[in-house]
Full PDB file with SEQRES, HELIX, SHEET, SSBOND, CRYST1, ORIGX, SCALE, CONECT and MASTER records, all heavy atoms in Angstrom:
SEQRES   1 A   40  LYS ARG ILE THR ILE PRO ALA SER GLY ARG TYR PRO ALA          
SEQRES   2 A   40  THR THR PHE ASP HIS ILE LEU TYR ARG GLY ILE GLU LYS          
SEQRES   3 A   40  ALA GLY SER VAL ARG ILE GLN GLU VAL GLU TRP GLU ARG          
SEQRES   4 A   40  SER                                                          
CRYST1    1.000    1.000    1.000  90.00  90.00  90.00 P 1           1          
ORIGX1      1.000000  0.000000  0.000000        0.00000                         
ORIGX2      0.000000  1.000000  0.000000        0.00000                         
ORIGX3      0.000000  0.000000  1.000000        0.00000                         
SCALE1      1.000000  0.000000  0.000000        0.00000                         
SCALE2      0.000000  1.000000  0.000000        0.00000                         
SCALE3      0.000000  0.000000  1.000000        0.00000                         
ATOM      1  N   LYS A   1       0.205  -8.585  -3.649  1.00  0.00           N  
ATOM      2  CA  LYS A   1      -0.969  -8.358  -2.808  1.00  0.00           C  
ATOM      3  C   LYS A   1      -0.815  -7.137  -1.887  1.00  0.00           C  
ATOM      4  O   LYS A   1      -1.680  -6.875  -1.049  1.00  0.00           O  
ATOM      5  CB  LYS A   1      -1.266  -9.603  -1.970  1.00  0.00           C  
ATOM      6  CG  LYS A   1      -1.720 -10.796  -2.789  1.00  0.00           C  
ATOM      7  CD  LYS A   1      -2.138 -11.940  -1.904  1.00  0.00           C  
ATOM      8  CE  LYS A   1      -2.619 -13.128  -2.723  1.00  0.00           C  
ATOM      9  NZ  LYS A   1      -3.825 -12.812  -3.521  1.00  0.00           N  
ATOM     10  N   ARG A   2       0.284  -6.405  -2.036  1.00  0.00           N  
ATOM     11  CA  ARG A   2       0.491  -5.224  -1.186  1.00  0.00           C  
ATOM     12  C   ARG A   2       1.077  -4.057  -1.985  1.00  0.00           C  
ATOM     13  O   ARG A   2       1.905  -3.295  -1.507  1.00  0.00           O  
ATOM     14  CB  ARG A   2       1.384  -5.566   0.012  1.00  0.00           C  
ATOM     15  CG  ARG A   2       2.680  -6.275  -0.322  1.00  0.00           C  
ATOM     16  CD  ARG A   2       3.566  -6.440   0.907  1.00  0.00           C  
ATOM     17  NE  ARG A   2       4.665  -7.343   0.655  1.00  0.00           N  
ATOM     18  CZ  ARG A   2       5.763  -7.040  -0.024  1.00  0.00           C  
ATOM     19  NH1 ARG A   2       5.911  -5.811  -0.503  1.00  0.00           N  
ATOM     20  NH2 ARG A   2       6.725  -7.940  -0.194  1.00  0.00           N  
ATOM     21  N   ILE A   3       0.600  -3.887  -3.207  1.00  0.00           N  
ATOM     22  CA  ILE A   3       1.030  -2.758  -4.024  1.00  0.00           C  
ATOM     23  C   ILE A   3       0.414  -1.480  -3.466  1.00  0.00           C  
ATOM     24  O   ILE A   3      -0.797  -1.382  -3.282  1.00  0.00           O  
ATOM     25  CB  ILE A   3       0.590  -2.947  -5.495  1.00  0.00           C  
ATOM     26  CG1 ILE A   3       1.269  -4.190  -6.104  1.00  0.00           C  
ATOM     27  CG2 ILE A   3       0.889  -1.704  -6.316  1.00  0.00           C  
ATOM     28  CD1 ILE A   3       2.764  -4.115  -6.152  1.00  0.00           C  
ATOM     29  N   THR A   4       1.249  -0.477  -3.191  1.00  0.00           N  
ATOM     30  CA  THR A   4       0.720   0.818  -2.736  1.00  0.00           C  
ATOM     31  C   THR A   4       1.001   1.935  -3.743  1.00  0.00           C  
ATOM     32  O   THR A   4       0.462   3.030  -3.595  1.00  0.00           O  
ATOM     33  CB  THR A   4       1.312   1.215  -1.368  1.00  0.00           C  
ATOM     34  OG1 THR A   4       2.709   1.506  -1.494  1.00  0.00           O  
ATOM     35  CG2 THR A   4       1.100   0.111  -0.342  1.00  0.00           C  
ATOM     36  N   ILE A   5       1.838   1.663  -4.736  1.00  0.00           N  
ATOM     37  CA  ILE A   5       2.057   2.596  -5.845  1.00  0.00           C  
ATOM     38  C   ILE A   5       1.947   1.801  -7.141  1.00  0.00           C  
ATOM     39  O   ILE A   5       2.741   0.891  -7.378  1.00  0.00           O  
ATOM     40  CB  ILE A   5       3.436   3.271  -5.771  1.00  0.00           C  
ATOM     41  CG1 ILE A   5       3.602   4.028  -4.456  1.00  0.00           C  
ATOM     42  CG2 ILE A   5       3.632   4.217  -6.949  1.00  0.00           C  
ATOM     43  CD1 ILE A   5       4.925   4.742  -4.333  1.00  0.00           C  
ATOM     44  N   PRO A   6       0.954   2.114  -7.972  1.00  0.00           N  
ATOM     45  CA  PRO A   6       0.811   1.356  -9.220  1.00  0.00           C  
ATOM     46  C   PRO A   6       1.949   1.659 -10.191  1.00  0.00           C  
ATOM     47  O   PRO A   6       2.645   2.673 -10.057  1.00  0.00           O  
ATOM     48  CB  PRO A   6      -0.533   1.855  -9.768  1.00  0.00           C  
ATOM     49  CG  PRO A   6      -0.695   3.225  -9.185  1.00  0.00           C  
ATOM     50  CD  PRO A   6      -0.057   3.163  -7.824  1.00  0.00           C  
ATOM     51  N   ALA A   7       2.136   0.773 -11.160  1.00  0.00           N  
ATOM     52  CA  ALA A   7       3.176   0.965 -12.173  1.00  0.00           C  
ATOM     53  C   ALA A   7       2.904   2.243 -12.955  1.00  0.00           C  
ATOM     54  O   ALA A   7       1.757   2.608 -13.215  1.00  0.00           O  
ATOM     55  CB  ALA A   7       3.218  -0.232 -13.105  1.00  0.00           C  
ATOM     56  N   SER A   8       3.998   2.932 -13.323  1.00  0.00           N  
ATOM     57  CA  SER A   8       3.877   4.161 -14.098  1.00  0.00           C  
ATOM     58  C   SER A   8       5.090   4.297 -14.995  1.00  0.00           C  
ATOM     59  O   SER A   8       6.218   4.452 -14.507  1.00  0.00           O  
ATOM     60  CB  SER A   8       3.764   5.381 -13.168  1.00  0.00           C  
ATOM     61  OG  SER A   8       3.710   6.584 -13.901  1.00  0.00           O  
ATOM     62  N   GLY A   9       4.870   4.208 -16.303  1.00  0.00           N  
ATOM     63  CA  GLY A   9       5.977   4.305 -17.246  1.00  0.00           C  
ATOM     64  C   GLY A   9       7.014   3.229 -17.004  1.00  0.00           C  
ATOM     65  O   GLY A   9       6.698   2.042 -16.949  1.00  0.00           O  
ATOM     66  N   ARG A  10       8.261   3.651 -16.794  1.00  0.00           N  
ATOM     67  CA  ARG A  10       9.341   2.675 -16.573  1.00  0.00           C  
ATOM     68  C   ARG A  10       9.432   2.211 -15.129  1.00  0.00           C  
ATOM     69  O   ARG A  10      10.258   1.369 -14.806  1.00  0.00           O  
ATOM     70  CB  ARG A  10      10.683   3.261 -17.014  1.00  0.00           C  
ATOM     71  CG  ARG A  10      11.132   4.487 -16.237  1.00  0.00           C  
ATOM     72  CD  ARG A  10      12.365   5.109 -16.886  1.00  0.00           C  
ATOM     73  NE  ARG A  10      12.830   6.311 -16.191  1.00  0.00           N  
ATOM     74  CZ  ARG A  10      13.739   6.314 -15.230  1.00  0.00           C  
ATOM     75  NH1 ARG A  10      14.274   5.178 -14.829  1.00  0.00           N  
ATOM     76  NH2 ARG A  10      14.120   7.446 -14.671  1.00  0.00           N  
ATOM     77  N   TYR A  11       8.577   2.773 -14.258  1.00  0.00           N  
ATOM     78  CA  TYR A  11       8.625   2.406 -12.842  1.00  0.00           C  
ATOM     79  C   TYR A  11       7.621   1.293 -12.549  1.00  0.00           C  
ATOM     80  O   TYR A  11       6.421   1.451 -12.817  1.00  0.00           O  
ATOM     81  CB  TYR A  11       8.328   3.623 -11.966  1.00  0.00           C  
ATOM     82  CG  TYR A  11       9.334   4.730 -12.121  1.00  0.00           C  
ATOM     83  CD1 TYR A  11       9.019   5.876 -12.846  1.00  0.00           C  
ATOM     84  CD2 TYR A  11      10.605   4.624 -11.562  1.00  0.00           C  
ATOM     85  CE1 TYR A  11       9.941   6.901 -12.999  1.00  0.00           C  
ATOM     86  CE2 TYR A  11      11.543   5.636 -11.711  1.00  0.00           C  
ATOM     87  CZ  TYR A  11      11.202   6.774 -12.438  1.00  0.00           C  
ATOM     88  OH  TYR A  11      12.131   7.776 -12.597  1.00  0.00           O  
ATOM     89  N   PRO A  12       8.071   0.179 -11.996  1.00  0.00           N  
ATOM     90  CA  PRO A  12       7.146  -0.931 -11.700  1.00  0.00           C  
ATOM     91  C   PRO A  12       6.300  -0.651 -10.464  1.00  0.00           C  
ATOM     92  O   PRO A  12       6.643   0.208  -9.641  1.00  0.00           O  
ATOM     93  CB  PRO A  12       8.104  -2.107 -11.450  1.00  0.00           C  
ATOM     94  CG  PRO A  12       9.339  -1.455 -10.898  1.00  0.00           C  
ATOM     95  CD  PRO A  12       9.467  -0.144 -11.628  1.00  0.00           C  
ATOM     96  N   ALA A  13       5.205  -1.366 -10.334  1.00  0.00           N  
ATOM     97  CA  ALA A  13       4.388  -1.278  -9.120  1.00  0.00           C  
ATOM     98  C   ALA A  13       5.214  -1.713  -7.923  1.00  0.00           C  
ATOM     99  O   ALA A  13       6.041  -2.630  -8.016  1.00  0.00           O  
ATOM    100  CB  ALA A  13       3.156  -2.166  -9.267  1.00  0.00           C  
ATOM    101  N   THR A  14       4.987  -1.058  -6.781  1.00  0.00           N  
ATOM    102  CA  THR A  14       5.818  -1.367  -5.619  1.00  0.00           C  
ATOM    103  C   THR A  14       5.091  -1.040  -4.323  1.00  0.00           C  
ATOM    104  O   THR A  14       3.948  -0.590  -4.322  1.00  0.00           O  
ATOM    105  CB  THR A  14       7.163  -0.608  -5.698  1.00  0.00           C  
ATOM    106  OG1 THR A  14       8.048  -1.130  -4.711  1.00  0.00           O  
ATOM    107  CG2 THR A  14       6.962   0.887  -5.484  1.00  0.00           C  
ATOM    108  N   THR A  15       5.797  -1.248  -3.207  1.00  0.00           N  
ATOM    109  CA  THR A  15       5.265  -0.994  -1.870  1.00  0.00           C  
ATOM    110  C   THR A  15       6.178  -0.015  -1.154  1.00  0.00           C  
ATOM    111  O   THR A  15       7.244  -0.385  -0.672  1.00  0.00           O  
ATOM    112  CB  THR A  15       5.200  -2.307  -1.048  1.00  0.00           C  
ATOM    113  OG1 THR A  15       4.454  -3.282  -1.769  1.00  0.00           O  
ATOM    114  CG2 THR A  15       4.542  -2.063   0.307  1.00  0.00           C  
ATOM    115  N   PHE A  16       5.767   1.256  -1.081  1.00  0.00           N  
ATOM    116  CA  PHE A  16       6.527   2.259  -0.344  1.00  0.00           C  
ATOM    117  C   PHE A  16       5.851   2.647   0.964  1.00  0.00           C  
ATOM    118  O   PHE A  16       6.478   3.256   1.830  1.00  0.00           O  
ATOM    119  CB  PHE A  16       6.703   3.527  -1.191  1.00  0.00           C  
ATOM    120  CG  PHE A  16       7.818   3.456  -2.200  1.00  0.00           C  
ATOM    121  CD1 PHE A  16       8.000   4.496  -3.100  1.00  0.00           C  
ATOM    122  CD2 PHE A  16       8.686   2.377  -2.255  1.00  0.00           C  
ATOM    123  CE1 PHE A  16       9.032   4.454  -4.036  1.00  0.00           C  
ATOM    124  CE2 PHE A  16       9.709   2.318  -3.183  1.00  0.00           C  
ATOM    125  CZ  PHE A  16       9.882   3.369  -4.085  1.00  0.00           C  
ATOM    126  N   ASP A  17       4.568   2.336   1.088  1.00  0.00           N  
ATOM    127  CA  ASP A  17       3.778   2.784   2.236  1.00  0.00           C  
ATOM    128  C   ASP A  17       3.591   1.624   3.214  1.00  0.00           C  
ATOM    129  O   ASP A  17       3.111   0.554   2.826  1.00  0.00           O  
ATOM    130  CB  ASP A  17       2.430   3.318   1.761  1.00  0.00           C  
ATOM    131  CG  ASP A  17       2.612   4.385   0.692  1.00  0.00           C  
ATOM    132  OD1 ASP A  17       2.726   5.561   1.050  1.00  0.00           O  
ATOM    133  OD2 ASP A  17       2.660   4.019  -0.514  1.00  0.00           O  
ATOM    134  N   HIS A  18       3.956   1.861   4.471  1.00  0.00           N  
ATOM    135  CA  HIS A  18       3.977   0.784   5.465  1.00  0.00           C  
ATOM    136  C   HIS A  18       3.363   1.246   6.786  1.00  0.00           C  
ATOM    137  O   HIS A  18       3.377   2.434   7.110  1.00  0.00           O  
ATOM    138  CB  HIS A  18       5.420   0.350   5.750  1.00  0.00           C  
ATOM    139  CG  HIS A  18       6.206  -0.034   4.540  1.00  0.00           C  
ATOM    140  ND1 HIS A  18       6.350  -1.342   4.125  1.00  0.00           N  
ATOM    141  CD2 HIS A  18       6.907   0.724   3.646  1.00  0.00           C  
ATOM    142  CE1 HIS A  18       7.111  -1.375   3.039  1.00  0.00           C  
ATOM    143  NE2 HIS A  18       7.453  -0.133   2.730  1.00  0.00           N  
ATOM    144  N   ILE A  19       2.862   0.273   7.531  1.00  0.00           N  
ATOM    145  CA  ILE A  19       2.485   0.484   8.928  1.00  0.00           C  
ATOM    146  C   ILE A  19       3.247  -0.550   9.756  1.00  0.00           C  
ATOM    147  O   ILE A  19       3.076  -1.757   9.568  1.00  0.00           O  
ATOM    148  CB  ILE A  19       0.966   0.349   9.142  1.00  0.00           C  
ATOM    149  CG1 ILE A  19       0.233   1.482   8.408  1.00  0.00           C  
ATOM    150  CG2 ILE A  19       0.625   0.379  10.638  1.00  0.00           C  
ATOM    151  CD1 ILE A  19      -1.283   1.421   8.521  1.00  0.00           C  
ATOM    152  N   LEU A  20       4.113  -0.058  10.640  1.00  0.00           N  
ATOM    153  CA  LEU A  20       4.891  -0.914  11.528  1.00  0.00           C  
ATOM    154  C   LEU A  20       4.349  -0.774  12.941  1.00  0.00           C  
ATOM    155  O   LEU A  20       3.798   0.266  13.306  1.00  0.00           O  
ATOM    156  CB  LEU A  20       6.369  -0.503  11.507  1.00  0.00           C  
ATOM    157  CG  LEU A  20       7.028  -0.306  10.141  1.00  0.00           C  
ATOM    158  CD1 LEU A  20       8.498   0.093  10.319  1.00  0.00           C  
ATOM    159  CD2 LEU A  20       6.913  -1.546   9.287  1.00  0.00           C  
ATOM    160  N   TYR A  21       4.525  -1.810  13.746  1.00  0.00           N  
ATOM    161  CA  TYR A  21       3.952  -1.774  15.093  1.00  0.00           C  
ATOM    162  C   TYR A  21       4.736  -2.663  16.045  1.00  0.00           C  
ATOM    163  O   TYR A  21       5.417  -3.610  15.635  1.00  0.00           O  
ATOM    164  CB  TYR A  21       2.489  -2.220  15.054  1.00  0.00           C  
ATOM    165  CG  TYR A  21       2.300  -3.668  14.618  1.00  0.00           C  
ATOM    166  CD1 TYR A  21       2.140  -4.693  15.551  1.00  0.00           C  
ATOM    167  CD2 TYR A  21       2.302  -4.025  13.264  1.00  0.00           C  
ATOM    168  CE1 TYR A  21       1.979  -6.018  15.159  1.00  0.00           C  
ATOM    169  CE2 TYR A  21       2.146  -5.339  12.865  1.00  0.00           C  
ATOM    170  CZ  TYR A  21       1.980  -6.333  13.817  1.00  0.00           C  
ATOM    171  OH  TYR A  21       1.836  -7.646  13.419  1.00  0.00           O  
ATOM    172  N   ARG A  22       4.629  -2.336  17.337  1.00  0.00           N  
ATOM    173  CA  ARG A  22       5.133  -3.224  18.380  1.00  0.00           C  
ATOM    174  C   ARG A  22       4.322  -2.962  19.649  1.00  0.00           C  
ATOM    175  O   ARG A  22       3.809  -1.857  19.872  1.00  0.00           O  
ATOM    176  CB  ARG A  22       6.630  -3.009  18.627  1.00  0.00           C  
ATOM    177  CG  ARG A  22       6.998  -1.807  19.459  1.00  0.00           C  
ATOM    178  CD  ARG A  22       8.499  -1.702  19.668  1.00  0.00           C  
ATOM    179  NE  ARG A  22       8.820  -0.695  20.660  1.00  0.00           N  
ATOM    180  CZ  ARG A  22      10.023  -0.178  20.860  1.00  0.00           C  
ATOM    181  NH1 ARG A  22      11.046  -0.587  20.123  1.00  0.00           N  
ATOM    182  NH2 ARG A  22      10.228   0.733  21.798  1.00  0.00           N  
ATOM    183  N   GLY A  23       4.173  -4.004  20.464  1.00  0.00           N  
ATOM    184  CA  GLY A  23       3.426  -3.885  21.708  1.00  0.00           C  
ATOM    185  C   GLY A  23       1.925  -3.882  21.529  1.00  0.00           C  
ATOM    186  O   GLY A  23       1.186  -3.591  22.475  1.00  0.00           O  
ATOM    187  N   ILE A  24       1.445  -4.186  20.344  1.00  0.00           N  
ATOM    188  CA  ILE A  24       0.014  -4.214  20.044  1.00  0.00           C  
ATOM    189  C   ILE A  24      -0.202  -5.286  18.978  1.00  0.00           C  
ATOM    190  O   ILE A  24       0.718  -5.621  18.238  1.00  0.00           O  
ATOM    191  CB  ILE A  24      -0.456  -2.817  19.555  1.00  0.00           C  
ATOM    192  CG1 ILE A  24      -1.980  -2.720  19.549  1.00  0.00           C  
ATOM    193  CG2 ILE A  24       0.140  -2.471  18.206  1.00  0.00           C  
ATOM    194  CD1 ILE A  24      -2.492  -1.301  19.324  1.00  0.00           C  
ATOM    195  N   GLU A  25      -1.418  -5.837  18.912  1.00  0.00           N  
ATOM    196  CA  GLU A  25      -1.701  -6.931  17.983  1.00  0.00           C  
ATOM    197  C   GLU A  25      -2.651  -6.470  16.882  1.00  0.00           C  
ATOM    198  O   GLU A  25      -3.572  -5.681  17.117  1.00  0.00           O  
ATOM    199  CB  GLU A  25      -2.325  -8.123  18.722  1.00  0.00           C  
ATOM    200  CG  GLU A  25      -1.418  -8.753  19.762  1.00  0.00           C  
ATOM    201  CD  GLU A  25      -0.162  -9.358  19.164  1.00  0.00           C  
ATOM    202  OE1 GLU A  25      -0.249  -9.889  18.031  1.00  0.00           O  
ATOM    203  OE2 GLU A  25       0.894  -9.295  19.820  1.00  0.00           O  
ATOM    204  N   LYS A  26      -2.431  -6.986  15.679  1.00  0.00           N  
ATOM    205  CA  LYS A  26      -3.355  -6.715  14.584  1.00  0.00           C  
ATOM    206  C   LYS A  26      -4.687  -7.414  14.838  1.00  0.00           C  
ATOM    207  O   LYS A  26      -4.732  -8.472  15.459  1.00  0.00           O  
ATOM    208  CB  LYS A  26      -2.787  -7.224  13.260  1.00  0.00           C  
ATOM    209  CG  LYS A  26      -1.697  -6.371  12.675  1.00  0.00           C  
ATOM    210  CD  LYS A  26      -1.469  -6.674  11.182  1.00  0.00           C  
ATOM    211  CE  LYS A  26      -1.228  -8.148  10.926  1.00  0.00           C  
ATOM    212  NZ  LYS A  26      -1.078  -8.424   9.485  1.00  0.00           N  
ATOM    213  N   ALA A  27      -5.759  -6.813  14.307  1.00  0.00           N  
ATOM    214  CA  ALA A  27      -7.092  -7.396  14.462  1.00  0.00           C  
ATOM    215  C   ALA A  27      -7.680  -7.766  13.098  1.00  0.00           C  
ATOM    216  O   ALA A  27      -8.868  -7.673  12.870  1.00  0.00           O  
ATOM    217  CB  ALA A  27      -8.013  -6.411  15.175  1.00  0.00           C  
ATOM    218  N   GLY A  28      -6.832  -8.180  12.196  1.00  0.00           N  
ATOM    219  CA  GLY A  28      -7.297  -8.548  10.860  1.00  0.00           C  
ATOM    220  C   GLY A  28      -6.213  -8.291   9.835  1.00  0.00           C  
ATOM    221  O   GLY A  28      -5.077  -7.949  10.166  1.00  0.00           O  
ATOM    222  N   SER A  29      -6.576  -8.432   8.576  1.00  0.00           N  
ATOM    223  CA  SER A  29      -5.610  -8.273   7.495  1.00  0.00           C  
ATOM    224  C   SER A  29      -5.503  -6.803   7.077  1.00  0.00           C  
ATOM    225  O   SER A  29      -6.355  -5.977   7.403  1.00  0.00           O  
ATOM    226  CB  SER A  29      -6.015  -9.133   6.294  1.00  0.00           C  
ATOM    227  OG  SER A  29      -7.325  -8.783   5.862  1.00  0.00           O  
ATOM    228  N   VAL A  30      -4.455  -6.506   6.339  1.00  0.00           N  
ATOM    229  CA  VAL A  30      -4.235  -5.152   5.826  1.00  0.00           C  
ATOM    230  C   VAL A  30      -5.207  -4.878   4.682  1.00  0.00           C  
ATOM    231  O   VAL A  30      -5.460  -5.738   3.843  1.00  0.00           O  
ATOM    232  CB  VAL A  30      -2.788  -5.001   5.322  1.00  0.00           C  
ATOM    233  CG1 VAL A  30      -2.565  -3.611   4.735  1.00  0.00           C  
ATOM    234  CG2 VAL A  30      -1.799  -5.273   6.440  1.00  0.00           C  
ATOM    235  N   ARG A  31      -5.749  -3.664   4.656  1.00  0.00           N  
ATOM    236  CA  ARG A  31      -6.604  -3.241   3.543  1.00  0.00           C  
ATOM    237  C   ARG A  31      -5.882  -2.173   2.743  1.00  0.00           C  
ATOM    238  O   ARG A  31      -5.482  -1.147   3.288  1.00  0.00           O  
ATOM    239  CB  ARG A  31      -7.936  -2.684   4.049  1.00  0.00           C  
ATOM    240  CG  ARG A  31      -8.826  -2.137   2.923  1.00  0.00           C  
ATOM    241  CD  ARG A  31     -10.123  -1.562   3.454  1.00  0.00           C  
ATOM    242  NE  ARG A  31     -10.934  -1.002   2.381  1.00  0.00           N  
ATOM    243  CZ  ARG A  31     -12.113  -0.403   2.564  1.00  0.00           C  
ATOM    244  NH1 ARG A  31     -12.621  -0.294   3.791  1.00  0.00           N  
ATOM    245  NH2 ARG A  31     -12.786   0.089   1.532  1.00  0.00           N  
ATOM    246  N   ILE A  32      -5.690  -2.423   1.462  1.00  0.00           N  
ATOM    247  CA  ILE A  32      -5.100  -1.440   0.560  1.00  0.00           C  
ATOM    248  C   ILE A  32      -6.179  -1.041  -0.433  1.00  0.00           C  
ATOM    249  O   ILE A  32      -6.687  -1.885  -1.177  1.00  0.00           O  
ATOM    250  CB  ILE A  32      -3.867  -2.004  -0.161  1.00  0.00           C  
ATOM    251  CG1 ILE A  32      -2.790  -2.409   0.863  1.00  0.00           C  
ATOM    252  CG2 ILE A  32      -3.305  -0.990  -1.150  1.00  0.00           C  
ATOM    253  CD1 ILE A  32      -1.610  -3.134   0.260  1.00  0.00           C  
ATOM    254  N   GLN A  33      -6.545   0.228  -0.428  1.00  0.00           N  
ATOM    255  CA  GLN A  33      -7.636   0.720  -1.262  1.00  0.00           C  
ATOM    256  C   GLN A  33      -7.084   1.341  -2.544  1.00  0.00           C  
ATOM    257  O   GLN A  33      -6.397   2.350  -2.505  1.00  0.00           O  
ATOM    258  CB  GLN A  33      -8.452   1.766  -0.501  1.00  0.00           C  
ATOM    259  CG  GLN A  33      -9.600   2.367  -1.286  1.00  0.00           C  
ATOM    260  CD  GLN A  33     -10.683   1.335  -1.579  1.00  0.00           C  
ATOM    261  OE1 GLN A  33     -11.100   0.604  -0.689  1.00  0.00           O  
ATOM    262  NE2 GLN A  33     -11.111   1.269  -2.828  1.00  0.00           N  
ATOM    263  N   GLU A  34      -7.377   0.728  -3.680  1.00  0.00           N  
ATOM    264  CA  GLU A  34      -6.939   1.315  -4.938  1.00  0.00           C  
ATOM    265  C   GLU A  34      -7.735   2.590  -5.215  1.00  0.00           C  
ATOM    266  O   GLU A  34      -8.939   2.644  -4.999  1.00  0.00           O  
ATOM    267  CB  GLU A  34      -7.123   0.321  -6.091  1.00  0.00           C  
ATOM    268  CG  GLU A  34      -6.234  -0.904  -5.979  1.00  0.00           C  
ATOM    269  CD  GLU A  34      -6.306  -1.787  -7.209  1.00  0.00           C  
ATOM    270  OE1 GLU A  34      -6.930  -1.364  -8.219  1.00  0.00           O  
ATOM    271  OE2 GLU A  34      -5.745  -2.896  -7.165  1.00  0.00           O  
ATOM    272  N   VAL A  35      -7.034   3.621  -5.672  1.00  0.00           N  
ATOM    273  CA  VAL A  35      -7.674   4.901  -5.963  1.00  0.00           C  
ATOM    274  C   VAL A  35      -7.180   5.422  -7.309  1.00  0.00           C  
ATOM    275  O   VAL A  35      -6.115   5.030  -7.804  1.00  0.00           O  
ATOM    276  CB  VAL A  35      -7.381   5.953  -4.870  1.00  0.00           C  
ATOM    277  CG1 VAL A  35      -7.968   5.521  -3.542  1.00  0.00           C  
ATOM    278  CG2 VAL A  35      -5.878   6.223  -4.737  1.00  0.00           C  
ATOM    279  N   GLU A  36      -7.948   6.351  -7.892  1.00  0.00           N  
ATOM    280  CA  GLU A  36      -7.560   6.971  -9.145  1.00  0.00           C  
ATOM    281  C   GLU A  36      -6.428   7.965  -8.913  1.00  0.00           C  
ATOM    282  O   GLU A  36      -6.256   8.498  -7.827  1.00  0.00           O  
ATOM    283  CB  GLU A  36      -8.757   7.707  -9.775  1.00  0.00           C  
ATOM    284  CG  GLU A  36      -9.960   6.827 -10.051  1.00  0.00           C  
ATOM    285  CD  GLU A  36     -10.894   6.758  -8.840  1.00  0.00           C  
ATOM    286  OE1 GLU A  36     -10.508   7.229  -7.756  1.00  0.00           O  
ATOM    287  OE2 GLU A  36     -12.002   6.227  -9.003  1.00  0.00           O  
ATOM    288  N   TRP A  37      -5.689   8.249  -9.980  1.00  0.00           N  
ATOM    289  CA  TRP A  37      -4.544   9.154  -9.927  1.00  0.00           C  
ATOM    290  C   TRP A  37      -4.937  10.525  -9.410  1.00  0.00           C  
ATOM    291  O   TRP A  37      -4.145  11.213  -8.756  1.00  0.00           O  
ATOM    292  CB  TRP A  37      -3.939   9.257 -11.329  1.00  0.00           C  
ATOM    293  CG  TRP A  37      -2.740  10.141 -11.418  1.00  0.00           C  
ATOM    294  CD1 TRP A  37      -2.714  11.460 -11.769  1.00  0.00           C  
ATOM    295  CD2 TRP A  37      -1.383   9.772 -11.163  1.00  0.00           C  
ATOM    296  NE1 TRP A  37      -1.427  11.937 -11.749  1.00  0.00           N  
ATOM    297  CE2 TRP A  37      -0.589  10.930 -11.385  1.00  0.00           C  
ATOM    298  CE3 TRP A  37      -0.758   8.585 -10.774  1.00  0.00           C  
ATOM    299  CZ2 TRP A  37       0.794  10.922 -11.230  1.00  0.00           C  
ATOM    300  CZ3 TRP A  37       0.614   8.588 -10.622  1.00  0.00           C  
ATOM    301  CH2 TRP A  37       1.380   9.727 -10.840  1.00  0.00           C  
ATOM    302  N   GLU A  38      -6.179  10.970  -9.707  1.00  0.00           N  
ATOM    303  CA  GLU A  38      -6.609  12.297  -9.278  1.00  0.00           C  
ATOM    304  C   GLU A  38      -6.637  12.433  -7.756  1.00  0.00           C  
ATOM    305  O   GLU A  38      -6.540  13.543  -7.227  1.00  0.00           O  
ATOM    306  CB  GLU A  38      -7.998  12.621  -9.839  1.00  0.00           C  
ATOM    307  CG  GLU A  38      -8.062  12.824 -11.335  1.00  0.00           C  
ATOM    308  CD  GLU A  38      -7.995  11.513 -12.113  1.00  0.00           C  
ATOM    309  OE1 GLU A  38      -8.177  10.448 -11.493  1.00  0.00           O  
ATOM    310  OE2 GLU A  38      -7.754  11.568 -13.337  1.00  0.00           O  
ATOM    311  N   ARG A  39      -6.804  11.316  -7.062  1.00  0.00           N  
ATOM    312  CA  ARG A  39      -6.811  11.347  -5.590  1.00  0.00           C  
ATOM    313  C   ARG A  39      -5.390  11.315  -5.048  1.00  0.00           C  
ATOM    314  O   ARG A  39      -5.041  12.087  -4.162  1.00  0.00           O  
ATOM    315  CB  ARG A  39      -7.635  10.183  -5.043  1.00  0.00           C  
ATOM    316  CG  ARG A  39      -9.094  10.261  -5.472  1.00  0.00           C  
ATOM    317  CD  ARG A  39      -9.890   9.019  -5.109  1.00  0.00           C  
ATOM    318  NE  ARG A  39     -11.124   8.984  -5.874  1.00  0.00           N  
ATOM    319  CZ  ARG A  39     -12.328   9.218  -5.370  1.00  0.00           C  
ATOM    320  NH1 ARG A  39     -12.452   9.489  -4.081  1.00  0.00           N  
ATOM    321  NH2 ARG A  39     -13.391   9.191  -6.133  1.00  0.00           N  
ATOM    322  N   SER A  40      -4.578  10.403  -5.573  1.00  0.00           N  
ATOM    323  CA  SER A  40      -3.170  10.320  -5.186  1.00  0.00           C  
ATOM    324  C   SER A  40      -2.473   9.291  -6.053  1.00  0.00           C  
ATOM    325  O   SER A  40      -3.107   8.412  -6.644  1.00  0.00           O  
ATOM    326  CB  SER A  40      -3.035   9.924  -3.711  1.00  0.00           C  
ATOM    327  OG  SER A  40      -1.659   9.806  -3.358  1.00  0.00           O  
TER     328      SER A  40                                                      
MASTER        0    0    0    0    0    0    0    6  327    1    0    4          
END                                                                             
């Protein structure tokens, strides 16, 4: 539910992109927007 890099060839889908925080509270769930390869 938190894939930020889709699978490609021998590389599996994974999570390399993160937002870390302290001293502040989240106001909802994380949104990960799937995009086409041409964008990133």
